[in-house]
Amino acid sequence: MSQKNWGEKLERLYRIFPWPEEVGSERLADRLREARRHFEILATHPWVREAVRGSEATVVDVCGGVGVGGVALASVLRGLGISTRLVVVDLRRTALERAKELSREVLGSEAEVVEANAAEVHRHVSGVSIALMFGYTSPHFSPYELLRLTISVAASLKPSGVFVLEEHDRFGDILMRIGYRYVVPEHADEDMITLSIHSRYDHLRGVTERVFVRLPDYEAAKVPVRLWDLAGIAATLWAGFRDVDFLPIRTARSGFLIAKEPRGLDPEEFSEYPRIIRKAY
């Protein structure tokens, strides 16, 4: 799927799925406050302290959406006396416009925005102190795509830079405790109901395709979903970095994965998918 088509599909998905994105809304303000509290803990990690040592830092919010994660982290770093450049990367143009608005409101300056595939972040920014993927974003990525993203992010970092992902163990929290559900009520109130419905399992890409439907108007979007476990993401990070750590925040299985010391792999060597994917699609 082309970058343009995938961006349009994501725009449709986030119209259907009620994620807090309205700048000035109480839901978004609550999410921002919670993110800031969590980043205050993250900022105490020795790898993060080393990554932002000095008076200036560059933060890239990968798959940043409206920029809640990047804005919250930049706010925490500035509170520590570190001048912070913020770049938000996403495929959704409407989200990036809101990211500029949110950063102006909270930080007093407008974030730089890049409308691009996250697996090509190295083509747009370099010398990054912290690359951030916030908001449990990994289900958007197949194993092949997450590997490409990891290597691209690693190439964008400075030698002491780190890649931070907010994550939780879906295998333990969903598949082991609840079991896979073919129909899930994602959201329900008097005005709107959102369901996600299993379409098929793609065994070569390792994703399930689910159709998200909004009622009562029946707008729908079919998207691939990967139910990642922490170990799977950590192992993928290890391919692009020499060390990986986990900082629990909410629970023992929910927090921040942190990767340091990029291995120096060339992301352009991963621009073409392997034969197992090419011959099937």
C-alpha atoms as a PDB file:
ATOM      1  CA  MET A   1       0.000   0.000   0.000  1.00  0.00           C
ATOM      2  CA  SER A   2       1.322   3.445  -0.910  1.00  0.00           C
ATOM      3  CA  GLN A   3       2.135   6.015   1.754  1.00  0.00           C
ATOM      4  CA  LYS A   4      -0.757   8.194   0.538  1.00  0.00           C
ATOM      5  CA  ASN A   5      -3.301   5.354   0.663  1.00  0.00           C
ATOM      6  CA  TRP A   6      -2.115   4.208   4.097  1.00  0.00           C
ATOM      7  CA  GLY A   7      -2.328   7.780   5.359  1.00  0.00           C
ATOM      8  CA  GLU A   8      -5.915   8.042   4.102  1.00  0.00           C
ATOM      9  CA  LYS A   9      -6.812   4.733   5.751  1.00  0.00           C
ATOM     10  CA  LEU A  10      -5.366   5.915   9.061  1.00  0.00           C
ATOM     11  CA  GLU A  11      -7.336   9.159   8.772  1.00  0.00           C
ATOM     12  CA  ARG A  12     -10.502   7.112   8.383  1.00  0.00           C
ATOM     13  CA  LEU A  13      -9.583   4.768  11.250  1.00  0.00           C
ATOM     14  CA  TYR A  14      -9.028   7.634  13.692  1.00  0.00           C
ATOM     15  CA  ARG A  15     -12.362   9.175  12.724  1.00  0.00           C
ATOM     16  CA  ILE A  16     -13.983   5.864  13.666  1.00  0.00           C
ATOM     17  CA  PHE A  17     -11.913   5.082  16.742  1.00  0.00           C
ATOM     18  CA  PRO A  18     -12.575   7.716  19.468  1.00  0.00           C
ATOM     19  CA  TRP A  19      -8.986   8.557  20.415  1.00  0.00           C
ATOM     20  CA  PRO A  20      -8.568  11.847  22.369  1.00  0.00           C
ATOM     21  CA  GLU A  21      -7.136  14.303  19.830  1.00  0.00           C
ATOM     22  CA  GLU A  22      -9.105  17.538  20.184  1.00  0.00           C
ATOM     23  CA  VAL A  23      -6.731  20.237  21.393  1.00  0.00           C
ATOM     24  CA  GLY A  24      -8.306  21.994  24.367  1.00  0.00           C
ATOM     25  CA  SER A  25     -10.482  19.018  25.333  1.00  0.00           C
ATOM     26  CA  GLU A  26     -10.377  17.668  28.883  1.00  0.00           C
ATOM     27  CA  ARG A  27      -9.651  14.132  27.632  1.00  0.00           C
ATOM     28  CA  LEU A  28      -6.541  15.294  25.807  1.00  0.00           C
ATOM     29  CA  ALA A  29      -5.469  17.415  28.779  1.00  0.00           C
ATOM     30  CA  ASP A  30      -5.793  14.373  31.064  1.00  0.00           C
ATOM     31  CA  ARG A  31      -3.713  12.286  28.677  1.00  0.00           C
ATOM     32  CA  LEU A  32      -1.056  14.995  28.522  1.00  0.00           C
ATOM     33  CA  ARG A  33      -0.852  15.241  32.327  1.00  0.00           C
ATOM     34  CA  GLU A  34      -0.523  11.463  32.679  1.00  0.00           C
ATOM     35  CA  ALA A  35       2.183  11.361  29.993  1.00  0.00           C
ATOM     36  CA  ARG A  36       4.141  14.078  31.757  1.00  0.00           C
ATOM     37  CA  ARG A  37       4.057  12.122  35.040  1.00  0.00           C
ATOM     38  CA  HIS A  38       5.367   9.025  33.305  1.00  0.00           C
ATOM     39  CA  PHE A  39       8.119  10.940  31.507  1.00  0.00           C
ATOM     40  CA  GLU A  40       9.281  12.409  34.799  1.00  0.00           C
ATOM     41  CA  ILE A  41      10.015   8.812  35.841  1.00  0.00           C
ATOM     42  CA  LEU A  42      11.588   8.008  32.464  1.00  0.00           C
ATOM     43  CA  ALA A  43      13.918  11.015  32.781  1.00  0.00           C
ATOM     44  CA  THR A  44      15.566   9.377  35.811  1.00  0.00           C
ATOM     45  CA  HIS A  45      16.742   6.351  33.791  1.00  0.00           C
ATOM     46  CA  PRO A  46      20.547   6.492  33.336  1.00  0.00           C
ATOM     47  CA  TRP A  47      20.384   5.827  29.582  1.00  0.00           C
ATOM     48  CA  VAL A  48      17.964   8.716  29.118  1.00  0.00           C
ATOM     49  CA  ARG A  49      20.057  11.019  31.307  1.00  0.00           C
ATOM     50  CA  GLU A  50      23.086  10.204  29.150  1.00  0.00           C
ATOM     51  CA  ALA A  51      21.136  10.786  25.930  1.00  0.00           C
ATOM     52  CA  VAL A  52      20.150  14.332  26.953  1.00  0.00           C
ATOM     53  CA  ARG A  53      23.372  15.281  28.720  1.00  0.00           C
ATOM     54  CA  GLY A  54      24.161  18.897  27.956  1.00  0.00           C
ATOM     55  CA  SER A  55      21.966  21.915  27.353  1.00  0.00           C
ATOM     56  CA  GLU A  56      20.213  20.895  24.133  1.00  0.00           C
ATOM     57  CA  ALA A  57      18.308  17.830  22.924  1.00  0.00           C
ATOM     58  CA  THR A  58      16.340  16.750  19.867  1.00  0.00           C
ATOM     59  CA  VAL A  59      13.215  14.635  20.406  1.00  0.00           C
ATOM     60  CA  VAL A  60      11.491  12.876  17.513  1.00  0.00           C
ATOM     61  CA  ASP A  61       7.964  11.668  18.184  1.00  0.00           C
ATOM     62  CA  VAL A  62       7.610   8.739  15.747  1.00  0.00           C
ATOM     63  CA  CYS A  63       4.016   7.911  14.727  1.00  0.00           C
ATOM     64  CA  GLY A  64       3.343  10.931  16.893  1.00  0.00           C
ATOM     65  CA  GLY A  65      -0.250  11.712  15.951  1.00  0.00           C
ATOM     66  CA  VAL A  66      -1.193  14.988  17.622  1.00  0.00           C
ATOM     67  CA  GLY A  67       2.122  14.978  19.468  1.00  0.00           C
ATOM     68  CA  VAL A  68       0.992  14.265  23.037  1.00  0.00           C
ATOM     69  CA  GLY A  69       4.035  12.129  23.800  1.00  0.00           C
ATOM     70  CA  GLY A  70       6.563  14.462  22.227  1.00  0.00           C
ATOM     71  CA  VAL A  71       5.051  17.582  23.777  1.00  0.00           C
ATOM     72  CA  ALA A  72       4.905  15.982  27.229  1.00  0.00           C
ATOM     73  CA  LEU A  73       8.502  14.745  27.017  1.00  0.00           C
ATOM     74  CA  ALA A  74       9.769  18.089  25.703  1.00  0.00           C
ATOM     75  CA  SER A  75       7.943  19.809  28.574  1.00  0.00           C
ATOM     76  CA  VAL A  76       9.668  17.565  31.129  1.00  0.00           C
ATOM     77  CA  LEU A  77      13.103  18.082  29.556  1.00  0.00           C
ATOM     78  CA  ARG A  78      12.658  21.835  29.427  1.00  0.00           C
ATOM     79  CA  GLY A  79      11.706  21.710  33.097  1.00  0.00           C
ATOM     80  CA  LEU A  80      15.134  20.156  33.684  1.00  0.00           C
ATOM     81  CA  GLY A  81      16.793  23.082  31.922  1.00  0.00           C
ATOM     82  CA  ILE A  82      17.344  21.309  28.591  1.00  0.00           C
ATOM     83  CA  SER A  83      16.507  23.279  25.445  1.00  0.00           C
ATOM     84  CA  THR A  84      14.493  20.812  23.348  1.00  0.00           C
ATOM     85  CA  ARG A  85      13.804  20.685  19.622  1.00  0.00           C
ATOM     86  CA  LEU A  86      10.663  18.654  18.903  1.00  0.00           C
ATOM     87  CA  VAL A  87       9.925  16.895  15.602  1.00  0.00           C
ATOM     88  CA  VAL A  88       6.645  14.988  15.117  1.00  0.00           C
ATOM     89  CA  VAL A  89       6.494  12.339  12.372  1.00  0.00           C
ATOM     90  CA  ASP A  90       3.183  10.884  11.216  1.00  0.00           C
ATOM     91  CA  LEU A  91       1.272   9.983   8.048  1.00  0.00           C
ATOM     92  CA  ARG A  92      -1.894  11.846   9.094  1.00  0.00           C
ATOM     93  CA  ARG A  93      -1.881  15.454   7.972  1.00  0.00           C
ATOM     94  CA  THR A  94      -4.786  16.448  10.221  1.00  0.00           C
ATOM     95  CA  ALA A  95      -2.987  15.037  13.264  1.00  0.00           C
ATOM     96  CA  LEU A  96       0.194  16.943  12.408  1.00  0.00           C
ATOM     97  CA  GLU A  97      -1.741  20.213  12.216  1.00  0.00           C
ATOM     98  CA  ARG A  98      -3.063  19.514  15.702  1.00  0.00           C
ATOM     99  CA  ALA A  99       0.470  18.670  16.860  1.00  0.00           C
ATOM    100  CA  LYS A 100       1.576  22.145  15.834  1.00  0.00           C
ATOM    101  CA  GLU A 101      -1.375  23.654  17.699  1.00  0.00           C
ATOM    102  CA  LEU A 102      -0.758  21.575  20.838  1.00  0.00           C
ATOM    103  CA  SER A 103       2.963  22.385  20.929  1.00  0.00           C
ATOM    104  CA  ARG A 104       2.255  26.093  20.572  1.00  0.00           C
ATOM    105  CA  GLU A 105      -0.243  25.907  23.429  1.00  0.00           C
ATOM    106  CA  VAL A 106       1.914  23.865  25.832  1.00  0.00           C
ATOM    107  CA  LEU A 107       5.503  24.676  24.883  1.00  0.00           C
ATOM    108  CA  GLY A 108       5.091  28.171  23.496  1.00  0.00           C
ATOM    109  CA  SER A 109       6.758  27.147  20.227  1.00  0.00           C
ATOM    110  CA  GLU A 110       5.632  25.128  17.245  1.00  0.00           C
ATOM    111  CA  ALA A 111       6.939  21.608  16.732  1.00  0.00           C
ATOM    112  CA  GLU A 112       8.459  20.711  13.397  1.00  0.00           C
ATOM    113  CA  VAL A 113       6.241  18.202  11.604  1.00  0.00           C
ATOM    114  CA  VAL A 114       7.095  15.615   8.957  1.00  0.00           C
ATOM    115  CA  GLU A 115       4.426  13.779   6.961  1.00  0.00           C
ATOM    116  CA  ALA A 116       6.241  10.517   6.337  1.00  0.00           C
ATOM    117  CA  ASN A 117       6.396   6.764   6.859  1.00  0.00           C
ATOM    118  CA  ALA A 118       7.951   6.004  10.256  1.00  0.00           C
ATOM    119  CA  ALA A 119      10.269   3.453   8.622  1.00  0.00           C
ATOM    120  CA  GLU A 120      11.881   6.329   6.701  1.00  0.00           C
ATOM    121  CA  VAL A 121      12.504   8.693   9.612  1.00  0.00           C
ATOM    122  CA  HIS A 122      16.280   8.528   8.962  1.00  0.00           C
ATOM    123  CA  ARG A 123      15.691  10.337   5.668  1.00  0.00           C
ATOM    124  CA  HIS A 124      14.207  13.355   7.427  1.00  0.00           C
ATOM    125  CA  VAL A 125      16.079  13.923  10.691  1.00  0.00           C
ATOM    126  CA  SER A 126      19.443  13.056  12.257  1.00  0.00           C
ATOM    127  CA  GLY A 127      21.393  13.652  15.449  1.00  0.00           C
ATOM    128  CA  VAL A 128      18.371  12.696  17.546  1.00  0.00           C
ATOM    129  CA  SER A 129      18.719  12.432  21.349  1.00  0.00           C
ATOM    130  CA  ILE A 130      15.456  10.569  22.025  1.00  0.00           C
ATOM    131  CA  ALA A 131      13.207   8.888  19.473  1.00  0.00           C
ATOM    132  CA  LEU A 132       9.835   8.225  21.044  1.00  0.00           C
ATOM    133  CA  MET A 133       6.949   5.955  20.074  1.00  0.00           C
ATOM    134  CA  PHE A 134       4.149   6.721  22.492  1.00  0.00           C
ATOM    135  CA  GLY A 135       0.594   5.455  22.826  1.00  0.00           C
ATOM    136  CA  TYR A 136       0.959   1.684  22.336  1.00  0.00           C
ATOM    137  CA  THR A 137       1.452   2.129  18.592  1.00  0.00           C
ATOM    138  CA  SER A 138       3.133  -1.178  17.730  1.00  0.00           C
ATOM    139  CA  PRO A 139      -0.064  -3.040  16.648  1.00  0.00           C
ATOM    140  CA  HIS A 140       0.084  -0.966  13.446  1.00  0.00           C
ATOM    141  CA  PHE A 141       3.295  -2.789  12.468  1.00  0.00           C
ATOM    142  CA  SER A 142       3.968  -6.319  11.238  1.00  0.00           C
ATOM    143  CA  PRO A 143       7.261  -7.921  12.380  1.00  0.00           C
ATOM    144  CA  TYR A 144       8.899  -6.910   9.097  1.00  0.00           C
ATOM    145  CA  GLU A 145       7.679  -3.326   9.368  1.00  0.00           C
ATOM    146  CA  LEU A 146       8.709  -2.964  13.019  1.00  0.00           C
ATOM    147  CA  LEU A 147      12.206  -4.186  12.129  1.00  0.00           C
ATOM    148  CA  ARG A 148      12.451  -1.616   9.328  1.00  0.00           C
ATOM    149  CA  LEU A 149      11.243   1.113  11.694  1.00  0.00           C
ATOM    150  CA  THR A 150      13.755   0.091  14.378  1.00  0.00           C
ATOM    151  CA  ILE A 151      16.706   0.242  11.993  1.00  0.00           C
ATOM    152  CA  SER A 152      15.549   3.556  10.532  1.00  0.00           C
ATOM    153  CA  VAL A 153      15.171   5.097  13.997  1.00  0.00           C
ATOM    154  CA  ALA A 154      18.589   3.759  15.031  1.00  0.00           C
ATOM    155  CA  ALA A 155      20.136   5.474  12.000  1.00  0.00           C
ATOM    156  CA  SER A 156      18.561   8.800  12.964  1.00  0.00           C
ATOM    157  CA  LEU A 157      20.027   8.836  16.488  1.00  0.00           C
ATOM    158  CA  LYS A 158      23.259  10.330  17.704  1.00  0.00           C
ATOM    159  CA  PRO A 159      25.635   7.700  19.233  1.00  0.00           C
ATOM    160  CA  SER A 160      24.334   8.278  22.775  1.00  0.00           C
ATOM    161  CA  GLY A 161      20.711   8.531  21.664  1.00  0.00           C
ATOM    162  CA  VAL A 162      17.938   6.182  22.763  1.00  0.00           C
ATOM    163  CA  PHE A 163      14.729   4.794  21.291  1.00  0.00           C
ATOM    164  CA  VAL A 164      11.860   4.765  23.815  1.00  0.00           C
ATOM    165  CA  LEU A 165       8.592   2.888  23.239  1.00  0.00           C
ATOM    166  CA  GLU A 166       5.566   2.931  25.513  1.00  0.00           C
ATOM    167  CA  GLU A 167       4.412  -0.702  25.457  1.00  0.00           C
ATOM    168  CA  HIS A 168       2.581  -3.493  27.234  1.00  0.00           C
ATOM    169  CA  ASP A 169       2.447  -7.264  26.841  1.00  0.00           C
ATOM    170  CA  ARG A 170      -0.638  -8.021  24.760  1.00  0.00           C
ATOM    171  CA  PHE A 171       0.069 -11.763  24.775  1.00  0.00           C
ATOM    172  CA  GLY A 172      -0.115 -11.840  28.559  1.00  0.00           C
ATOM    173  CA  ASP A 173      -2.823  -9.216  29.036  1.00  0.00           C
ATOM    174  CA  ILE A 174      -5.116 -10.143  26.143  1.00  0.00           C
ATOM    175  CA  LEU A 175      -4.484 -13.596  24.718  1.00  0.00           C
ATOM    176  CA  MET A 176      -3.624 -15.335  28.005  1.00  0.00           C
ATOM    177  CA  ARG A 177      -6.232 -13.636  30.228  1.00  0.00           C
ATOM    178  CA  ILE A 178      -9.129 -12.831  27.911  1.00  0.00           C
ATOM    179  CA  GLY A 179      -8.620 -14.812  24.730  1.00  0.00           C
ATOM    180  CA  TYR A 180      -8.838 -13.581  21.154  1.00  0.00           C
ATOM    181  CA  ARG A 181     -12.219 -12.025  20.391  1.00  0.00           C
ATOM    182  CA  TYR A 182     -13.656 -11.952  16.899  1.00  0.00           C
ATOM    183  CA  VAL A 183     -15.930  -9.009  17.755  1.00  0.00           C
ATOM    184  CA  VAL A 184     -14.844  -6.319  20.240  1.00  0.00           C
ATOM    185  CA  PRO A 185     -16.901  -3.314  21.409  1.00  0.00           C
ATOM    186  CA  GLU A 186     -14.108  -0.730  21.300  1.00  0.00           C
ATOM    187  CA  HIS A 187     -16.296   2.191  22.407  1.00  0.00           C
ATOM    188  CA  ALA A 188     -19.949   2.636  23.362  1.00  0.00           C
ATOM    189  CA  ASP A 189     -21.987   5.628  24.486  1.00  0.00           C
ATOM    190  CA  GLU A 190     -25.368   7.170  23.644  1.00  0.00           C
ATOM    191  CA  ASP A 191     -24.054   8.891  20.534  1.00  0.00           C
ATOM    192  CA  MET A 192     -21.686   6.355  18.982  1.00  0.00           C
ATOM    193  CA  ILE A 193     -20.659   2.708  19.054  1.00  0.00           C
ATOM    194  CA  THR A 194     -17.395   1.446  17.583  1.00  0.00           C
ATOM    195  CA  LEU A 195     -16.829  -2.254  16.930  1.00  0.00           C
ATOM    196  CA  SER A 196     -13.808  -4.098  15.595  1.00  0.00           C
ATOM    197  CA  ILE A 197     -14.509  -7.352  13.732  1.00  0.00           C
ATOM    198  CA  HIS A 198     -12.058 -10.067  12.710  1.00  0.00           C
ATOM    199  CA  SER A 199     -11.682 -10.382   8.943  1.00  0.00           C
ATOM    200  CA  ARG A 200      -8.802 -12.825   8.460  1.00  0.00           C
ATOM    201  CA  TYR A 201      -5.408 -13.882   9.769  1.00  0.00           C
ATOM    202  CA  ASP A 202      -2.400 -13.305   7.523  1.00  0.00           C
ATOM    203  CA  HIS A 203       0.094 -16.001   8.550  1.00  0.00           C
ATOM    204  CA  LEU A 204       2.915 -14.652   6.373  1.00  0.00           C
ATOM    205  CA  ARG A 205       2.819 -11.116   7.723  1.00  0.00           C
ATOM    206  CA  GLY A 206       1.847 -12.218  11.245  1.00  0.00           C
ATOM    207  CA  VAL A 207      -1.135  -9.874  11.513  1.00  0.00           C
ATOM    208  CA  THR A 208      -4.879 -10.146  11.839  1.00  0.00           C
ATOM    209  CA  GLU A 209      -7.001  -7.924   9.647  1.00  0.00           C
ATOM    210  CA  ARG A 210      -9.812  -6.270  11.561  1.00  0.00           C
ATOM    211  CA  VAL A 211     -12.633  -4.088  10.299  1.00  0.00           C
ATOM    212  CA  PHE A 212     -13.424  -1.126  12.542  1.00  0.00           C
ATOM    213  CA  VAL A 213     -17.033   0.007  12.153  1.00  0.00           C
ATOM    214  CA  ARG A 214     -18.718   3.094  13.584  1.00  0.00           C
ATOM    215  CA  LEU A 215     -22.437   2.960  14.288  1.00  0.00           C
ATOM    216  CA  PRO A 216     -24.968   4.219  13.401  1.00  0.00           C
ATOM    217  CA  ASP A 217     -23.455   5.578  10.146  1.00  0.00           C
ATOM    218  CA  TYR A 218     -21.459   2.395   9.297  1.00  0.00           C
ATOM    219  CA  GLU A 219     -18.224   4.136   8.309  1.00  0.00           C
ATOM    220  CA  ALA A 220     -15.583   1.394   8.257  1.00  0.00           C
ATOM    221  CA  ALA A 221     -11.832   0.851   7.887  1.00  0.00           C
ATOM    222  CA  LYS A 222      -9.989  -2.459   7.530  1.00  0.00           C
ATOM    223  CA  VAL A 223      -6.514  -2.420   9.064  1.00  0.00           C
ATOM    224  CA  PRO A 224      -3.854  -5.013   9.976  1.00  0.00           C
ATOM    225  CA  VAL A 225      -3.255  -5.525  13.704  1.00  0.00           C
ATOM    226  CA  ARG A 226      -0.310  -7.280  15.364  1.00  0.00           C
ATOM    227  CA  LEU A 227      -0.829  -8.348  19.000  1.00  0.00           C
ATOM    228  CA  TRP A 228       2.751  -7.875  20.137  1.00  0.00           C
ATOM    229  CA  ASP A 229       4.319  -9.210  23.318  1.00  0.00           C
ATOM    230  CA  LEU A 230       7.083  -7.326  25.130  1.00  0.00           C
ATOM    231  CA  ALA A 231       9.737  -9.938  24.363  1.00  0.00           C
ATOM    232  CA  GLY A 232       8.967  -9.815  20.638  1.00  0.00           C
ATOM    233  CA  ILE A 233       9.379  -6.042  20.511  1.00  0.00           C
ATOM    234  CA  ALA A 234      12.499  -6.147  22.700  1.00  0.00           C
ATOM    235  CA  ALA A 235      14.097  -8.774  20.432  1.00  0.00           C
ATOM    236  CA  THR A 236      13.336  -6.614  17.388  1.00  0.00           C
ATOM    237  CA  LEU A 237      14.937  -3.627  19.089  1.00  0.00           C
ATOM    238  CA  TRP A 238      17.986  -5.762  19.893  1.00  0.00           C
ATOM    239  CA  ALA A 239      18.518  -6.296  16.165  1.00  0.00           C
ATOM    240  CA  GLY A 240      19.099  -2.572  15.738  1.00  0.00           C
ATOM    241  CA  PHE A 241      20.641  -1.747  19.123  1.00  0.00           C
ATOM    242  CA  ARG A 242      23.266  -3.342  21.356  1.00  0.00           C
ATOM    243  CA  ASP A 243      21.213  -3.136  24.553  1.00  0.00           C
ATOM    244  CA  VAL A 244      17.542  -2.995  25.577  1.00  0.00           C
ATOM    245  CA  ASP A 245      15.930  -2.303  28.965  1.00  0.00           C
ATOM    246  CA  PHE A 246      12.384  -2.205  30.326  1.00  0.00           C
ATOM    247  CA  LEU A 247      11.077   0.370  32.809  1.00  0.00           C
ATOM    248  CA  PRO A 248       7.699  -0.711  34.303  1.00  0.00           C
ATOM    249  CA  ILE A 249       5.258   2.158  34.825  1.00  0.00           C
ATOM    250  CA  ARG A 250       1.616   1.162  35.098  1.00  0.00           C
ATOM    251  CA  THR A 251       2.091  -2.540  35.857  1.00  0.00           C
ATOM    252  CA  ALA A 252       4.858  -5.152  35.748  1.00  0.00           C
ATOM    253  CA  ARG A 253       3.984  -5.693  32.051  1.00  0.00           C
ATOM    254  CA  SER A 254       3.356  -2.093  31.023  1.00  0.00           C
ATOM    255  CA  GLY A 255       5.880   0.705  30.707  1.00  0.00           C
ATOM    256  CA  PHE A 256       8.794   1.893  28.576  1.00  0.00           C
ATOM    257  CA  LEU A 257      11.120  -0.218  26.456  1.00  0.00           C
ATOM    258  CA  ILE A 258      14.435   1.637  26.029  1.00  0.00           C
ATOM    259  CA  ALA A 259      17.075   0.781  23.425  1.00  0.00           C
ATOM    260  CA  LYS A 260      20.578   2.267  23.277  1.00  0.00           C
ATOM    261  CA  GLU A 261      23.789   2.052  21.207  1.00  0.00           C
ATOM    262  CA  PRO A 262      22.670   1.798  17.568  1.00  0.00           C
ATOM    263  CA  ARG A 263      24.409  -1.031  15.690  1.00  0.00           C
ATOM    264  CA  GLY A 264      24.919   1.140  12.612  1.00  0.00           C
ATOM    265  CA  LEU A 265      22.866  -0.951  10.189  1.00  0.00           C
ATOM    266  CA  ASP A 266      21.942   0.690   6.886  1.00  0.00           C
ATOM    267  CA  PRO A 267      18.147   1.109   6.723  1.00  0.00           C
ATOM    268  CA  GLU A 268      18.259   1.373   2.936  1.00  0.00           C
ATOM    269  CA  GLU A 269      19.292  -2.302   2.836  1.00  0.00           C
ATOM    270  CA  PHE A 270      15.870  -3.085   4.345  1.00  0.00           C
ATOM    271  CA  SER A 271      13.844  -0.969   1.929  1.00  0.00           C
ATOM    272  CA  GLU A 272      12.714  -4.051  -0.028  1.00  0.00           C
ATOM    273  CA  TYR A 273      10.752  -6.770   1.730  1.00  0.00           C
ATOM    274  CA  PRO A 274      12.121 -10.353   1.705  1.00  0.00           C
ATOM    275  CA  ARG A 275      10.915 -12.891  -0.840  1.00  0.00           C
ATOM    276  CA  ILE A 276       8.416 -14.515   1.563  1.00  0.00           C
ATOM    277  CA  ILE A 277       6.419 -11.261   1.445  1.00  0.00           C
ATOM    278  CA  ARG A 278       7.138 -10.210  -2.152  1.00  0.00           C
ATOM    279  CA  LYS A 279       5.947 -13.482  -3.707  1.00  0.00           C
ATOM    280  CA  ALA A 280       2.719 -13.482  -1.668  1.00  0.00           C
ATOM    281  CA  TYR A 281       1.731  -9.878  -2.387  1.00  0.00           C
END
